[in-house]
C-alpha cells in the first residue's frame, strides 16, 4: 500500500485535500470509532451521536464512490484509542506513508505522530485547506507578538479574501464593525413568532448510532432522544439555505438576545456542520454576502455573521495553534473552585443557568451569549478551575472540537490566558442577564440584590470577582468602571457581599 489516509471525525469533506491524488489501486482510507474519543472528556450522548452519525454517513459516501475504506465501528473491535487502532492498521496494511490532515486536537495529533514514529512509518501531515488562514500564515502573523487583537486579524482577512469591500477596498457600508447595532433585546413582549429551523429526522444510520450510544455510553450525561442535526453534506446545505432565507435578516439585531424555552431564535445552527467540514466557510460567507447584495439582509446582520466565521472562527483556530499546549494549562487568575455538579444535570434554581444548561443537555446547543455570558460568566466569577470548565464545554456541545472550544472557553470566557488575545474579562452580574432575556422573571433570585435573602448568585459573584481582582481590573481601560462602581459601596456592604459569596461557594448545590 502507498498511502493509508486517516480521516478523523471532524474531517468529513469529500472535497478535502486528503482526497487529491488518491489512487484506489494504491491507497486506502481509514476511519475508527473508539471509546477514548467519547471518554477522554465525558462527552454527552448528543455530542457523541452527531460525530458517529456524521462519520458513518461519510463512510457510506466513500463506499458509494467505490473507494477502499477500512472502517472500525464501535463494538466490533478491541481498541480503546485511535493510537491503538492505527498501530494495528499500520502493522496489517504496511503502508509506505500515513497521510492525514492537520488534526483539530493537539492531543490526537501528537498521539498519531507518536504512533507513526514507533511504527517507523512517515506521517505526511497536510494543511487543512478548509480554513481560510493556514497554521503557517497565522504563525507568521503572530510572530514576535505578546498580544493579538481579533479585530485587526479580521480586517486583514477581509482584505485578503475580498469580503464585504467596496470598490476602493474600504469596508462595505462605511465601517468595519457593526457590533453596536447587534446588541438588541426582545423587550417584554418577547420574540413573537419565530421562523423554525428545518428538522432532520434520524434515518436508519442515525437510529443505529443512537442505539449504539445507549449501549456503549448509556451512563453519560444528557440525552440524544431528540436528535435533530444535519449529518450529511446534503442536510447541511438545507440548513444553510434555510438560515439565509428565514433568519439571517434578523440575526444581527438579536444575536445577543435570550428567551426562555427558545434555544435557537435567529441563530444559524451551522457551527456543527462547519466544524464537521460538511460546509465550507467560503460558501457560507458567500451565501450571506449574496443576501446583502440582493437586498434580503441588512449590512449589520451580514457583517456580524461574517465576523463570527471569518473573524472569530479563524482567529480561534490560529490562536489554538499559536498557544498550545500552554493554553490548556493556562490559569492567569489562579482560580481553583470545582465546577458545580449541576452543570452536568441542569438541576439548579437560577433560571438563567437552568435554561442554558437544560437546553444544552437536551439539544447539544447554546448560542454564543448563553455560553459566554451565562454559563461561562458564572464559572469565571465563581472562580472555577479553567481545566474543569474546558472539559465541560468540550463534552456537551455538538460543535465542540478543541481547536475552537478551548481558546473560546479558557481564553475568552475565563480570561485564563490573560490579555494575550482578549481585551478584558467578560464578567457581568444579573443586570445584564435581565436586560438581554426574560430569564429573571419568576426566578427566586432578584438580579439587583447583592446580598441577603434573594440575592442573585450572578450579581453576588460578579461583585466578588471585581473585589478579588480589583488591581487587575483598575489598570484596564475597559474594566476600570467596574472598580469605580465597586468603590461606591461602603465597607459594611462590601463585607456583606463577601460573606454572601463565601456561603455560595461553600454550598453551590443550594443555588
Protein backbone atom coordinates (compact mmCIF):
# COMPACT_ATOMS: atom_id res chain seq x y z
CA UNK A 1 0.00 0.00 0.00
CA UNK A 2 1.22 3.50 -0.84
CA UNK A 3 -0.90 5.72 1.44
CA UNK A 4 -3.08 4.93 4.43
CA UNK A 5 -5.25 8.06 4.53
CA UNK A 6 -6.53 8.72 8.06
CA UNK A 7 -9.85 10.57 8.25
CA UNK A 8 -10.80 11.90 11.69
CA UNK A 9 -14.32 12.54 12.91
CA UNK A 10 -14.24 16.27 12.14
CA UNK A 11 -12.74 15.91 8.63
CA UNK A 12 -15.79 14.78 6.70
CA UNK A 13 -15.43 16.68 3.43
CA UNK A 14 -15.42 14.95 0.06
CA UNK A 15 -13.54 17.95 -1.34
CA UNK A 16 -10.76 17.62 1.23
CA UNK A 17 -7.18 17.94 0.05
CA UNK A 18 -6.67 14.46 1.56
CA UNK A 19 -8.61 13.07 -1.42
CA UNK A 20 -6.37 14.73 -4.02
CA UNK A 21 -4.24 12.24 -5.90
CA UNK A 22 -5.97 9.32 -4.20
CA UNK A 23 -5.40 6.15 -6.21
CA UNK A 24 -7.78 3.31 -5.29
CA UNK A 25 -5.22 0.80 -6.57
CA UNK A 26 -2.53 2.00 -4.14
CA UNK A 27 -4.24 3.98 -1.37
CA UNK A 28 -6.84 3.28 1.31
CA UNK A 29 -8.96 5.40 3.65
CA UNK A 30 -9.02 4.55 7.34
CA UNK A 31 -11.54 5.64 10.00
CA UNK A 32 -12.20 4.39 13.50
CA UNK A 33 -14.80 4.80 16.23
CA UNK A 34 -13.12 4.35 19.62
CA UNK A 35 -14.25 4.81 23.20
CA UNK A 36 -11.49 7.25 24.13
CA UNK A 37 -12.90 9.97 21.87
CA UNK A 38 -16.07 9.99 23.98
CA UNK A 39 -14.33 9.35 27.29
CA UNK A 40 -11.17 11.49 27.48
CA UNK A 41 -13.79 14.06 28.41
CA UNK A 42 -17.20 12.59 29.34
CA UNK A 43 -19.00 13.52 26.13
CA UNK A 44 -22.76 13.80 26.35
CA UNK A 45 -24.87 11.40 24.35
CA UNK A 46 -25.85 14.10 21.84
CA UNK A 47 -22.24 15.12 21.12
CA UNK A 48 -21.14 11.50 20.66
CA UNK A 49 -24.14 10.78 18.44
CA UNK A 50 -23.55 13.61 15.98
CA UNK A 51 -19.92 12.65 15.42
CA UNK A 52 -20.66 8.94 14.98
CA UNK A 53 -23.64 9.55 12.70
CA UNK A 54 -21.74 12.02 10.51
CA UNK A 55 -18.78 9.61 10.33
CA UNK A 56 -20.94 6.66 9.28
CA UNK A 57 -22.72 8.74 6.65
CA UNK A 58 -19.36 9.90 5.32
CA UNK A 59 -18.13 6.29 5.19
CA UNK A 60 -21.23 5.42 3.17
CA UNK A 61 -20.48 8.26 0.73
CA UNK A 62 -16.89 7.00 0.35
CA UNK A 63 -18.12 3.45 -0.33
CA UNK A 64 -20.67 4.69 -2.88
CA UNK A 65 -17.78 6.15 -4.85
CA UNK A 66 -16.09 2.78 -4.90
CA UNK A 67 -13.13 3.96 -2.83
CA UNK A 68 -11.42 1.48 -0.48
CA UNK A 69 -12.01 2.16 3.20
CA UNK A 70 -11.24 0.41 6.47
CA UNK A 71 -13.92 1.48 8.95
CA UNK A 72 -13.82 0.29 12.56
CA UNK A 73 -17.22 0.51 14.21
CA UNK A 74 -17.81 0.56 17.96
CA UNK A 75 -18.40 -2.91 19.36
CA UNK A 76 -16.59 -4.68 16.51
CA UNK A 77 -13.01 -4.30 17.74
CA UNK A 78 -10.96 -4.25 20.93
CA UNK A 79 -9.17 -0.91 20.54
CA UNK A 80 -9.77 1.85 23.08
CA UNK A 81 -7.87 4.68 21.37
CA UNK A 82 -7.14 5.97 17.88
CA UNK A 83 -3.45 5.35 18.52
CA UNK A 84 -4.03 1.66 19.34
CA UNK A 85 -6.27 1.11 16.35
CA UNK A 86 -3.91 2.91 13.96
CA UNK A 87 -0.90 0.96 15.19
CA UNK A 88 -2.75 -2.25 14.35
CA UNK A 89 -3.75 -0.94 10.91
CA UNK A 90 -0.16 0.02 10.11
CA UNK A 91 1.06 -3.42 11.16
CA UNK A 92 -1.53 -5.17 8.97
CA UNK A 93 -1.58 -2.88 5.92
CA UNK A 94 2.12 -1.92 5.97
CA UNK A 95 1.68 1.41 4.13
CA UNK A 96 4.62 3.38 2.78
CA UNK A 97 3.11 6.55 4.30
CA UNK A 98 0.32 7.55 6.65
CA UNK A 99 -1.41 10.67 5.32
CA UNK A 100 -3.68 12.93 7.36
CA UNK A 101 -5.00 16.47 7.51
CA UNK A 102 -3.93 18.53 10.50
CA UNK A 103 -5.95 17.32 13.48
CA UNK A 104 -8.36 19.57 15.34
CA UNK A 105 -6.98 18.41 18.69
CA UNK A 106 -3.35 18.79 19.71
CA UNK A 107 -3.62 15.65 21.88
CA UNK A 108 -4.80 13.50 19.00
CA UNK A 109 -2.25 14.83 16.52
CA UNK A 110 0.56 14.09 18.97
CA UNK A 111 -0.77 10.57 19.57
CA UNK A 112 -0.88 9.84 15.84
CA UNK A 113 2.56 11.32 15.26
CA UNK A 114 3.97 9.16 18.06
CA UNK A 115 2.25 6.04 16.70
CA UNK A 116 3.80 6.56 13.27
CA UNK A 117 7.24 7.20 14.75
CA UNK A 118 7.05 3.99 16.78
CA UNK A 119 5.97 2.07 13.68
CA UNK A 120 8.75 3.74 11.66
CA UNK A 121 6.27 4.93 9.03
CA UNK A 122 6.40 8.52 7.76
CA UNK A 123 3.42 10.73 8.65
CA UNK A 124 2.51 13.20 5.92
CA UNK A 125 0.57 15.96 7.65
CA UNK A 126 -1.33 18.09 5.14
CA UNK A 127 -2.54 21.68 5.52
CA UNK A 128 -6.26 21.72 6.16
CA UNK A 129 -7.44 23.94 3.31
CA UNK A 130 -10.93 24.09 4.78
CA UNK A 131 -9.63 27.02 6.81
CA UNK A 132 -9.04 30.43 5.27
CA UNK A 133 -5.82 31.07 7.19
CA UNK A 134 -3.22 28.30 7.41
CA UNK A 135 -1.31 27.44 10.55
CA UNK A 136 1.86 28.81 8.97
CA UNK A 137 0.16 32.05 7.94
CA UNK A 138 -1.14 32.65 11.44
CA UNK A 139 2.22 31.77 12.97
CA UNK A 140 3.85 34.42 10.77
CA UNK A 141 1.15 36.90 11.78
CA UNK A 142 1.66 36.18 15.50
CA UNK A 143 5.47 36.01 15.44
CA UNK A 144 7.06 38.36 17.95
CA UNK A 145 3.72 39.48 19.40
CA UNK A 146 2.78 39.06 23.04
CA UNK A 147 -0.82 40.07 22.42
CA UNK A 148 -3.18 39.63 19.48
CA UNK A 149 -6.40 41.50 18.74
CA UNK A 150 -9.11 39.75 16.76
CA UNK A 151 -10.38 42.92 15.10
CA UNK A 152 -7.03 43.58 13.42
CA UNK A 153 -6.84 39.98 12.21
CA UNK A 154 -10.43 40.14 10.96
CA UNK A 155 -9.78 43.23 8.85
CA UNK A 156 -6.69 41.57 7.44
CA UNK A 157 -8.79 38.54 6.45
CA UNK A 158 -11.49 40.71 4.88
CA UNK A 159 -8.85 42.34 2.69
CA UNK A 160 -7.11 39.07 1.84
CA UNK A 161 -10.33 37.33 0.77
CA UNK A 162 -12.09 40.40 -0.66
CA UNK A 163 -15.12 40.07 1.61
CA UNK A 164 -17.58 42.94 2.15
CA UNK A 165 -15.34 45.54 0.50
CA UNK A 166 -16.39 48.47 -1.66
CA UNK A 167 -14.72 49.45 -4.94
CA UNK A 168 -11.96 51.35 -3.13
CA UNK A 169 -11.19 48.33 -0.89
CA UNK A 170 -12.79 50.05 2.06
CA UNK A 171 -15.40 48.32 4.22
CA UNK A 172 -18.86 47.93 2.72
CA UNK A 173 -21.33 50.20 4.46
CA UNK A 174 -18.56 52.56 5.53
CA UNK A 175 -17.38 50.74 8.66
CA UNK A 176 -15.61 47.51 9.51
CA UNK A 177 -17.69 46.54 12.51
CA UNK A 178 -21.43 46.96 13.12
CA UNK A 179 -21.36 45.38 16.57
CA UNK A 180 -23.10 48.32 18.35
CA UNK A 181 -26.16 47.70 16.14
CA UNK A 182 -26.19 44.00 17.00
CA UNK A 183 -26.98 44.05 20.73
CA UNK A 184 -30.74 44.23 20.73
CA UNK A 185 -33.03 42.53 23.22
CA UNK A 186 -36.60 41.43 22.55
CA UNK A 187 -38.27 43.59 25.19
CA UNK A 188 -41.06 42.43 27.46
CA UNK A 189 -43.21 41.22 24.57
CA UNK A 190 -40.63 38.64 23.60
CA UNK A 191 -39.56 37.45 20.16
CA UNK A 192 -43.06 36.72 18.87
CA UNK A 193 -43.47 34.15 16.12
CA UNK A 194 -40.09 32.72 15.21
CA UNK A 195 -39.12 31.04 11.94
CA UNK A 196 -38.46 27.44 12.85
CA UNK A 197 -35.30 25.81 11.51
CA UNK A 198 -35.64 22.69 9.36
CA UNK A 199 -35.85 19.30 11.01
CA UNK A 200 -33.59 16.35 10.26
CA UNK A 201 -35.34 13.19 11.36
CA UNK A 202 -32.91 10.36 12.13
CA UNK A 203 -32.53 7.92 9.23
CA UNK A 204 -31.57 4.26 9.58
CA UNK A 205 -27.87 5.05 10.06
CA UNK A 206 -28.57 7.62 12.76
CA UNK A 207 -31.05 5.34 14.51
CA UNK A 208 -28.37 2.65 14.64
CA UNK A 209 -25.96 5.21 16.11
CA UNK A 210 -28.46 6.26 18.77
CA UNK A 211 -28.86 2.63 19.81
CA UNK A 212 -25.08 2.19 19.92
CA UNK A 213 -24.68 5.32 22.06
CA UNK A 214 -27.12 3.89 24.61
CA UNK A 215 -25.29 0.55 24.53
CA UNK A 216 -21.78 1.90 24.92
CA UNK A 217 -22.32 5.24 26.70
CA UNK A 218 -25.62 4.79 28.48
CA UNK A 219 -24.29 6.27 31.71
CA UNK A 220 -23.13 9.53 30.06
CA UNK A 221 -24.94 12.79 30.74
CA UNK A 222 -27.60 14.34 28.56
CA UNK A 223 -29.90 12.71 26.04
CA UNK A 224 -29.84 12.05 22.32
CA UNK A 225 -33.55 11.19 22.17
CA UNK A 226 -34.36 14.46 20.40
CA UNK A 227 -31.54 14.17 17.86
CA UNK A 228 -32.20 16.65 15.05
CA UNK A 229 -28.89 17.74 13.49
CA UNK A 230 -27.51 17.70 9.94
CA UNK A 231 -25.13 14.77 9.47
CA UNK A 232 -24.59 14.81 5.71
CA UNK A 233 -23.45 17.38 3.18
CA UNK A 234 -26.98 17.44 1.74
CA UNK A 235 -28.55 18.09 5.15
CA UNK A 236 -26.05 20.84 5.87
CA UNK A 237 -26.89 22.62 2.61
CA UNK A 238 -30.60 22.52 3.54
CA UNK A 239 -29.73 24.13 6.90
CA UNK A 240 -27.60 26.77 5.18
CA UNK A 241 -30.28 27.74 2.66
CA UNK A 242 -32.96 27.89 5.36
CA UNK A 243 -30.93 30.22 7.56
CA UNK A 244 -30.14 32.54 4.69
CA UNK A 245 -33.79 32.72 3.63
CA UNK A 246 -35.51 32.97 7.00
CA UNK A 247 -33.28 34.09 9.87
CA UNK A 248 -30.17 35.93 8.67
CA UNK A 249 -32.03 39.21 8.21
CA UNK A 250 -32.82 39.39 11.96
CA UNK A 251 -29.70 37.60 13.18
CA UNK A 252 -27.69 40.78 13.72
CA UNK A 253 -30.21 42.68 15.82
CA UNK A 254 -30.96 39.76 18.10
CA UNK A 255 -27.77 37.70 18.11
CA UNK A 256 -27.16 38.50 21.79
CA UNK A 257 -30.76 38.11 22.95
CA UNK A 258 -32.05 35.17 25.00
CA UNK A 259 -35.55 33.92 25.76
CA UNK A 260 -36.96 31.12 27.90
CA UNK A 261 -37.61 27.84 26.12
CA UNK A 262 -36.36 29.27 22.80
CA UNK A 263 -32.92 27.73 22.26
CA UNK A 264 -32.43 28.69 18.59
CA UNK A 265 -34.06 32.10 17.96
CA UNK A 266 -32.44 33.68 14.86
CA UNK A 267 -29.15 31.76 15.02
CA UNK A 268 -27.70 29.86 12.09
CA UNK A 269 -27.19 26.44 13.74
CA UNK A 270 -24.40 25.92 11.21
CA UNK A 271 -21.40 25.59 13.52
CA UNK A 272 -21.62 21.81 13.85
CA UNK A 273 -21.82 21.42 10.06
CA UNK A 274 -18.86 23.76 9.62
CA UNK A 275 -16.78 22.02 12.26
CA UNK A 276 -17.54 18.56 10.87
CA UNK A 277 -16.49 20.02 7.45
CA UNK A 278 -19.88 19.33 5.89
CA UNK A 279 -19.91 23.02 4.92
CA UNK A 280 -17.04 25.16 3.68
CA UNK A 281 -16.68 28.60 5.31
CA UNK A 282 -16.23 30.22 1.89
CA UNK A 283 -19.62 29.07 0.65
CA UNK A 284 -21.27 30.14 3.89
CA UNK A 285 -19.74 33.62 3.72
CA UNK A 286 -20.59 33.94 0.02
CA UNK A 287 -24.20 32.99 0.70
CA UNK A 288 -24.53 35.66 3.40
CA UNK A 289 -22.92 38.38 1.29
CA UNK A 290 -25.20 37.45 -1.61
CA UNK A 291 -28.21 38.05 0.64
CA UNK A 292 -26.96 41.55 1.40
CA UNK A 293 -26.22 42.34 -2.23
CA UNK A 294 -29.72 41.18 -3.16
CA UNK A 295 -31.24 43.45 -0.52
CA UNK A 296 -32.54 40.50 1.50
CA UNK A 297 -30.48 41.15 4.66
CA UNK A 298 -29.06 44.37 6.17
CA UNK A 299 -25.34 45.04 6.29
CA UNK A 300 -25.20 44.90 10.10
CA UNK A 301 -26.65 41.37 10.14
CA UNK A 302 -24.38 40.12 7.37
CA UNK A 303 -21.24 41.76 8.76
CA UNK A 304 -21.95 40.37 12.24
CA UNK A 305 -22.39 36.89 10.79
CA UNK A 306 -19.28 37.12 8.60
CA UNK A 307 -17.26 38.35 11.59
CA UNK A 308 -18.13 35.19 13.52
CA UNK A 309 -16.82 32.96 10.71
CA UNK A 310 -14.02 34.90 9.02
CA UNK A 311 -13.08 36.67 12.25
CA UNK A 312 -13.59 34.69 15.43
CA UNK A 313 -13.61 31.19 13.95
CA UNK A 314 -10.36 31.63 12.02
CA UNK A 315 -8.79 33.65 14.84
CA UNK A 316 -9.56 30.98 17.45
CA UNK A 317 -8.07 28.28 15.24
CA UNK A 318 -4.92 30.35 14.79
CA UNK A 319 -4.65 31.10 18.50
CA UNK A 320 -5.03 27.39 19.31
CA UNK A 321 -2.02 26.53 17.18
CA UNK A 322 -0.08 29.53 18.49
CA UNK A 323 -0.64 28.83 22.20
CA UNK A 324 -0.82 25.03 22.51
CA UNK A 325 -0.01 23.16 24.64
CA UNK A 326 0.37 26.00 27.18
CA UNK A 327 -3.18 27.21 26.58
CA UNK A 328 -4.68 24.02 28.02
CA UNK A 329 -2.90 24.69 31.33
CA UNK A 330 -3.44 28.46 31.49
CA UNK A 331 -4.87 29.86 34.73
CA UNK A 332 -3.84 33.51 34.89
CA UNK A 333 -6.39 34.34 37.61
CA UNK A 334 -5.36 31.32 39.73
CA UNK A 335 -8.93 30.07 40.08
CA UNK A 336 -9.32 26.72 41.85
CA UNK A 337 -13.01 26.12 42.62
CA UNK A 338 -14.66 22.90 41.46
CA UNK A 339 -17.30 23.10 38.74
CA UNK A 340 -20.69 22.76 40.47
CA UNK A 341 -22.28 19.36 39.86
CA UNK A 342 -25.42 20.95 38.43
CA UNK A 343 -23.52 21.94 35.28
CA UNK A 344 -23.93 18.26 34.36
CA UNK A 345 -27.62 17.96 35.30
CA UNK A 346 -29.22 21.40 34.92
CA UNK A 347 -30.78 20.93 38.36
CA UNK A 348 -30.22 24.44 39.68
CA UNK A 349 -32.57 27.15 40.96
CA UNK A 350 -31.03 30.02 38.95
CA UNK A 351 -33.38 30.20 35.99
CA UNK A 352 -30.75 31.57 33.60
CA UNK A 353 -28.45 28.63 34.31
CA UNK A 354 -31.33 26.14 34.27
CA UNK A 355 -32.39 27.42 30.85
CA UNK A 356 -28.90 27.47 29.30
CA UNK A 357 -27.75 24.16 30.77
CA UNK A 358 -31.10 22.43 30.29
CA UNK A 359 -31.23 23.18 26.56
CA UNK A 360 -27.56 22.22 26.24
CA UNK A 361 -28.18 18.77 27.71
CA UNK A 362 -31.32 18.30 25.57
CA UNK A 363 -30.04 19.62 22.24
CA UNK A 364 -26.25 19.87 22.44
CA UNK A 365 -26.55 23.58 21.65
CA UNK A 366 -26.47 27.02 23.23
CA UNK A 367 -25.72 30.23 21.38
CA UNK A 368 -22.63 32.34 21.98
CA UNK A 369 -24.12 34.68 24.60
CA UNK A 370 -25.54 31.82 26.63
CA UNK A 371 -22.07 30.27 26.59
CA UNK A 372 -20.12 33.46 27.23
CA UNK A 373 -22.40 35.50 29.49
CA UNK A 374 -24.39 32.83 31.36
CA UNK A 375 -22.54 29.54 31.86
CA UNK A 376 -19.09 30.99 31.16
CA UNK A 377 -19.66 34.18 33.10
CA UNK A 378 -20.75 32.31 36.21
CA UNK A 379 -17.80 29.90 36.00
CA UNK A 380 -15.46 32.91 35.71
CA UNK A 381 -16.86 34.88 38.63
CA UNK A 382 -17.35 31.78 40.80
CA UNK A 383 -13.65 31.09 40.28
CA UNK A 384 -13.82 27.61 38.71
CA UNK A 385 -10.54 25.98 37.69
CA UNK A 386 -10.27 26.55 33.91
CA UNK A 387 -9.45 22.92 33.05
CA UNK A 388 -12.75 21.76 34.55
CA UNK A 389 -14.74 24.34 32.61
CA UNK A 390 -12.91 23.39 29.41
CA UNK A 391 -13.77 19.72 29.94
CA UNK A 392 -17.45 20.62 30.35
CA UNK A 393 -17.66 22.74 27.21
CA UNK A 394 -15.82 20.13 25.16
CA UNK A 395 -18.16 17.45 26.49
CA UNK A 396 -21.58 18.99 25.93
CA UNK A 397 -21.73 20.84 22.60
CA UNK A 398 -22.30 19.25 19.20
CA UNK A 399 -19.94 21.77 17.58
CA UNK A 400 -17.16 21.28 20.14
CA UNK A 401 -13.79 20.47 18.62
CA UNK A 402 -10.88 21.51 20.78
CA UNK A 403 -9.30 23.95 18.29
CA UNK A 404 -12.32 26.21 18.61
CA UNK A 405 -13.69 25.28 22.04
CA UNK A 406 -10.52 25.62 24.12
CA UNK A 407 -9.48 29.18 23.17
CA UNK A 408 -13.08 30.38 23.40
CA UNK A 409 -13.55 28.82 26.84
CA UNK A 410 -10.18 29.25 28.50
CA UNK A 411 -9.20 32.47 26.75
CA UNK A 412 -12.40 34.39 26.17
CA UNK A 413 -14.87 33.14 28.79
CA UNK A 414 -12.40 32.65 31.64
CA UNK A 415 -9.60 35.13 30.84
CA UNK A 416 -7.26 32.31 31.88
CA UNK A 417 -4.63 33.28 29.30
CA UNK A 418 -4.67 36.88 30.45
CA UNK A 419 -4.78 39.54 27.75
CA UNK A 420 -2.93 37.55 25.09
CA UNK A 421 -5.91 37.55 22.74
CA UNK A 422 -8.87 39.09 24.57
CA UNK A 423 -9.05 42.64 25.84
CA UNK A 424 -10.91 42.13 29.12
CA UNK A 425 -12.61 39.56 31.35
CA UNK A 426 -16.22 39.12 30.22
CA UNK A 427 -17.83 39.43 33.66
CA UNK A 428 -21.31 40.74 34.38
CA UNK A 429 -24.00 40.49 37.03
CA UNK A 430 -27.67 39.69 36.94
CA UNK A 431 -28.49 43.08 35.43
CA UNK A 432 -27.00 42.01 32.10
CA UNK A 433 -28.99 38.78 32.03
CA UNK A 434 -32.15 40.68 32.97
CA UNK A 435 -31.60 43.20 30.17
CA UNK A 436 -30.95 40.58 27.47
CA UNK A 437 -33.55 37.96 28.39
CA UNK A 438 -36.69 37.11 30.34
CA UNK A 439 -34.80 34.63 32.49
CA UNK A 440 -35.09 36.72 35.65
CA UNK A 441 -38.91 36.80 35.57
CA UNK A 442 -40.22 34.41 38.16
CA UNK A 443 -36.73 33.39 39.29
CA UNK A 444 -36.35 33.01 43.04
CA UNK A 445 -33.41 35.43 42.89
CA UNK A 446 -33.55 39.19 42.33
CA UNK A 447 -30.96 40.38 39.79
CA UNK A 448 -30.33 43.69 41.57
CA UNK A 449 -29.84 42.19 45.04
CA UNK A 450 -26.18 41.87 46.04
CA UNK A 451 -26.52 40.20 49.44
CA UNK A 452 -29.11 38.87 51.85
CA UNK A 453 -32.26 36.88 51.14
CA UNK A 454 -32.96 36.51 47.43
CA UNK A 455 -29.54 37.81 46.37
CA UNK A 456 -28.79 36.82 42.77
CA UNK A 457 -25.77 34.50 42.57
CA UNK A 458 -24.78 36.11 39.25
CA UNK A 459 -24.73 39.52 40.92
CA UNK A 460 -23.07 38.38 44.13
CA UNK A 461 -20.33 36.57 42.26
CA UNK A 462 -19.81 39.47 39.86
CA UNK A 463 -19.09 41.94 42.66
CA UNK A 464 -16.97 39.40 44.49
CA UNK A 465 -14.98 38.86 41.28
CA UNK A 466 -14.40 42.61 40.92
CA UNK A 467 -13.28 42.84 44.55
CA UNK A 468 -10.92 39.86 44.30
CA UNK A 469 -9.32 41.14 41.07
CA UNK A 470 -9.56 44.86 41.77
CA UNK A 471 -5.91 45.61 40.98
CA UNK A 472 -6.05 43.83 37.63
CA UNK A 473 -9.31 45.49 36.59
CA UNK A 474 -8.43 49.05 37.57
CA UNK A 475 -5.49 49.10 35.15
CA UNK A 476 -7.59 48.08 32.14
CA UNK A 477 -9.48 50.97 30.48
CA UNK A 478 -12.26 48.55 29.51
CA UNK A 479 -12.86 47.41 33.11
CA UNK A 480 -11.86 50.39 35.25
CA UNK A 481 -15.54 51.39 35.63
CA UNK A 482 -16.22 48.06 37.34
CA UNK A 483 -13.77 49.03 40.07
CA UNK A 484 -15.12 52.57 40.36
CA UNK A 485 -18.63 51.23 40.79
CA UNK A 486 -17.41 48.82 43.46
CA UNK A 487 -15.76 51.67 45.32
CA UNK A 488 -19.14 53.37 45.72
CA UNK A 489 -20.15 50.71 48.23
CA UNK A 490 -19.37 51.19 51.91
CA UNK A 491 -17.31 48.80 53.98
CA UNK A 492 -20.41 47.19 55.51
CA UNK A 493 -22.00 46.40 52.14
CA UNK A 494 -18.74 45.07 50.73
CA UNK A 495 -18.40 42.77 53.75
CA UNK A 496 -21.96 41.54 53.24
CA UNK A 497 -21.24 40.75 49.58
CA UNK A 498 -18.06 38.89 50.52
CA UNK A 499 -19.97 36.81 53.06
CA UNK A 500 -22.74 36.03 50.55
CA UNK A 501 -20.14 34.87 48.02
CA UNK A 502 -18.39 32.76 50.65
CA UNK A 503 -21.61 30.97 51.58
CA UNK A 504 -22.48 30.30 47.95
CA UNK A 505 -19.06 28.81 47.25
CA UNK A 506 -19.38 26.60 50.31
CA UNK A 507 -22.80 25.30 49.24
CA UNK A 508 -23.10 25.52 45.44
CA UNK A 509 -25.67 22.73 45.48
CA UNK A 510 -28.11 25.13 47.16
CA UNK A 511 -28.04 27.70 44.35
